Protein backbone atom coordinates (compact mmCIF):
# COMPACT_ATOMS: atom_id res chain seq x y z
CA MET A 1 31.40 67.23 -93.56
CA GLN A 2 30.13 63.74 -94.41
CA LEU A 3 28.21 65.00 -97.47
CA LYS A 4 31.39 66.64 -98.77
CA LYS A 5 33.21 63.31 -98.58
CA LEU A 6 30.28 61.48 -100.20
CA ILE A 7 30.18 63.80 -103.22
CA GLN A 8 33.95 64.20 -103.55
CA THR A 9 34.98 63.00 -106.99
CA ASP A 10 37.90 62.80 -109.33
CA GLN A 11 38.15 65.26 -112.20
CA ALA A 12 38.40 62.70 -114.99
CA LYS A 13 36.21 63.50 -117.95
CA THR A 14 36.10 59.85 -119.02
CA THR A 15 34.32 58.67 -115.86
CA ILE A 16 31.07 59.58 -117.62
CA LEU A 17 31.57 56.55 -119.88
CA ILE A 18 31.51 54.16 -116.92
CA ARG A 19 28.62 56.11 -115.35
CA PHE A 20 26.65 55.84 -118.57
CA LEU A 21 27.30 52.09 -118.91
CA VAL A 22 26.44 51.26 -115.29
CA GLY A 23 23.49 53.66 -115.09
CA VAL A 24 21.82 52.59 -118.35
CA VAL A 25 22.16 48.87 -117.67
CA PHE A 26 20.76 49.09 -114.13
CA LEU A 27 17.96 51.45 -115.19
CA SER A 28 16.98 49.11 -118.02
CA GLU A 29 17.10 46.00 -115.84
CA GLY A 30 15.04 47.69 -113.13
CA ILE A 31 12.34 48.79 -115.58
CA GLN A 32 12.19 45.26 -117.02
CA LYS A 33 11.55 43.82 -113.54
CA PHE A 34 8.33 45.84 -113.49
CA LEU A 35 7.35 45.34 -117.15
CA TYR A 36 8.14 41.62 -117.33
CA PRO A 37 8.00 40.32 -113.75
CA GLU A 38 7.52 36.71 -114.83
CA PHE A 39 10.82 36.73 -116.76
CA ARG A 40 12.98 39.40 -115.09
CA GLY A 41 11.47 39.93 -111.64
CA SER A 42 9.45 37.74 -109.31
CA GLY A 43 9.20 34.80 -111.72
CA ARG A 44 12.95 34.71 -112.22
CA PHE A 45 13.60 35.20 -108.51
CA GLU A 46 11.24 32.33 -107.68
CA SER A 47 12.99 29.99 -110.13
CA ILE A 48 16.36 30.87 -108.58
CA GLY A 49 15.08 30.16 -105.07
CA ILE A 50 15.20 33.71 -103.68
CA PRO A 51 12.85 34.11 -100.70
CA PHE A 52 9.71 36.27 -101.08
CA PRO A 53 10.20 36.56 -104.85
CA GLU A 54 7.31 38.95 -105.54
CA PHE A 55 8.45 41.48 -102.93
CA THR A 56 12.13 40.98 -103.71
CA GLY A 57 11.67 41.39 -107.46
CA TYR A 58 10.01 44.78 -107.13
CA PHE A 59 12.33 45.83 -104.29
CA VAL A 60 15.45 45.11 -106.34
CA GLY A 61 13.87 46.62 -109.47
CA GLY A 62 13.09 49.82 -107.56
CA PHE A 63 16.67 50.12 -106.34
CA GLU A 64 18.01 49.48 -109.84
CA ILE A 65 15.83 52.26 -111.28
CA VAL A 66 16.55 54.86 -108.58
CA CYS A 67 20.26 54.09 -108.29
CA GLY A 68 20.64 53.81 -112.07
CA LEU A 69 19.17 57.32 -112.45
CA LEU A 70 21.43 58.67 -109.68
CA VAL A 71 24.48 57.16 -111.38
CA LEU A 72 23.46 58.58 -114.77
CA ALA A 73 23.13 62.05 -113.24
CA GLY A 74 26.30 61.63 -111.22
CA PHE A 75 24.39 62.62 -108.09
CA LEU A 76 25.49 60.97 -104.84
CA THR A 77 27.30 58.48 -107.04
CA ARG A 78 29.26 56.77 -104.27
CA PHE A 79 26.09 56.32 -102.22
CA ALA A 80 24.09 55.09 -105.24
CA VAL A 81 26.49 52.32 -106.20
CA ILE A 82 26.47 50.64 -102.76
CA PRO A 83 23.09 48.91 -103.35
CA LEU A 84 24.16 48.08 -106.91
CA ILE A 85 27.31 46.37 -105.65
CA ILE A 86 25.19 44.36 -103.19
CA ILE A 87 22.77 43.40 -105.99
CA MET A 88 25.64 42.19 -108.20
CA LEU A 89 27.30 40.21 -105.41
CA THR A 90 23.95 38.59 -104.64
CA ALA A 91 23.39 37.77 -108.33
CA LEU A 92 26.82 36.18 -108.60
CA PHE A 93 26.33 34.17 -105.41
CA THR A 94 22.80 32.94 -106.19
CA THR A 95 23.04 32.32 -109.94
CA LYS A 96 26.67 31.97 -110.96
CA LEU A 97 28.16 30.06 -108.04
CA PRO A 98 25.83 27.09 -108.74
CA ILE A 99 27.16 27.07 -112.33
CA LEU A 100 30.71 26.92 -111.01
CA LEU A 101 29.83 24.11 -108.61
CA GLY A 102 27.59 22.28 -111.10
CA THR A 103 24.87 21.92 -108.49
CA GLY A 104 22.34 23.99 -106.62
CA PHE A 105 23.03 24.82 -103.00
CA TRP A 106 21.32 26.50 -100.01
CA GLY A 107 18.03 26.41 -101.92
CA PHE A 108 19.40 28.24 -104.97
CA SER A 109 18.71 26.29 -108.14
CA LEU A 110 21.04 25.42 -111.00
CA ARG A 111 20.06 26.54 -114.49
CA GLU A 112 20.23 23.96 -117.23
CA LEU A 113 23.29 24.61 -119.39
CA ASN A 114 25.42 22.58 -121.78
CA HIS A 115 28.49 22.94 -119.54
CA TYR A 116 29.28 23.75 -115.93
CA GLY A 117 32.46 24.77 -114.18
CA PHE A 118 34.76 27.79 -114.22
CA LEU A 119 34.61 28.70 -117.93
CA SER A 120 30.85 28.37 -118.09
CA MET A 121 30.48 30.44 -114.93
CA MET A 122 32.75 33.14 -116.38
CA HIS A 123 30.75 33.21 -119.60
CA GLU A 124 27.42 33.47 -117.80
CA SER A 125 28.68 36.13 -115.37
CA ARG A 126 30.25 38.54 -117.87
CA ASN A 127 27.51 41.16 -117.50
CA ASP A 128 27.36 40.78 -113.72
CA LEU A 129 31.13 41.14 -113.43
CA ALA A 130 31.18 44.20 -115.70
CA MET A 131 28.46 45.89 -113.64
CA LEU A 132 30.18 44.93 -110.38
CA ILE A 133 33.57 46.26 -111.48
CA GLY A 134 32.02 49.39 -112.98
CA SER A 135 30.13 50.05 -109.74
CA ILE A 136 33.25 49.48 -107.63
CA PHE A 137 35.15 51.87 -109.91
CA LEU A 138 32.51 54.55 -109.33
CA TRP A 139 32.61 53.92 -105.59
CA PHE A 140 36.33 54.68 -105.61
CA THR A 141 36.30 57.63 -108.03
CA GLY A 142 32.89 59.25 -107.66
CA GLY A 143 30.92 60.71 -110.54
CA GLY A 144 33.77 62.44 -112.40
CA ARG A 145 34.09 65.90 -113.87
CA TRP A 146 30.77 65.87 -115.73
CA SER A 147 28.56 65.02 -112.76
CA LEU A 148 26.32 66.79 -110.30
CA ASP A 149 28.69 65.58 -107.56
CA TYR A 150 31.52 67.55 -109.15
CA ARG A 151 29.41 70.68 -109.52
CA MET A 152 28.26 70.44 -105.90
CA SER A 153 31.80 69.86 -104.62
CA GLN A 154 32.98 73.07 -106.36
CA ARG A 155 30.63 75.18 -104.23
């Protein structure tokens, strides 16, 4: 019974557009954490102040790859976006909140920018917010008509 609820989805054909956007971005970002760890993975995480940056970089990258592929396929979509939502909330908290405040806090560092405050934070968080909202959308709707979730729910 729980699996049925997890794969339940709307019948909208356009949901594939959001799935494609969210899936491709997370897949790409996850792969880059492995290919360029000094810039996208452990090195970036260390500069932000995230604990255990080497482990965390690969851990997050692995989730982004696996969940990005699940979202692209529309397989267990609601389940797959939960870690992605957590990743985006963490990114906003650790990297964008310091921009809003204009100072680092709780060990998370502040990037050097020309401006700080609300508008600067909004500019810097546009990708994070798009991925967060797209992931939340998929959590509510499921994978849509052109997904493995839909095909499984029809059986």
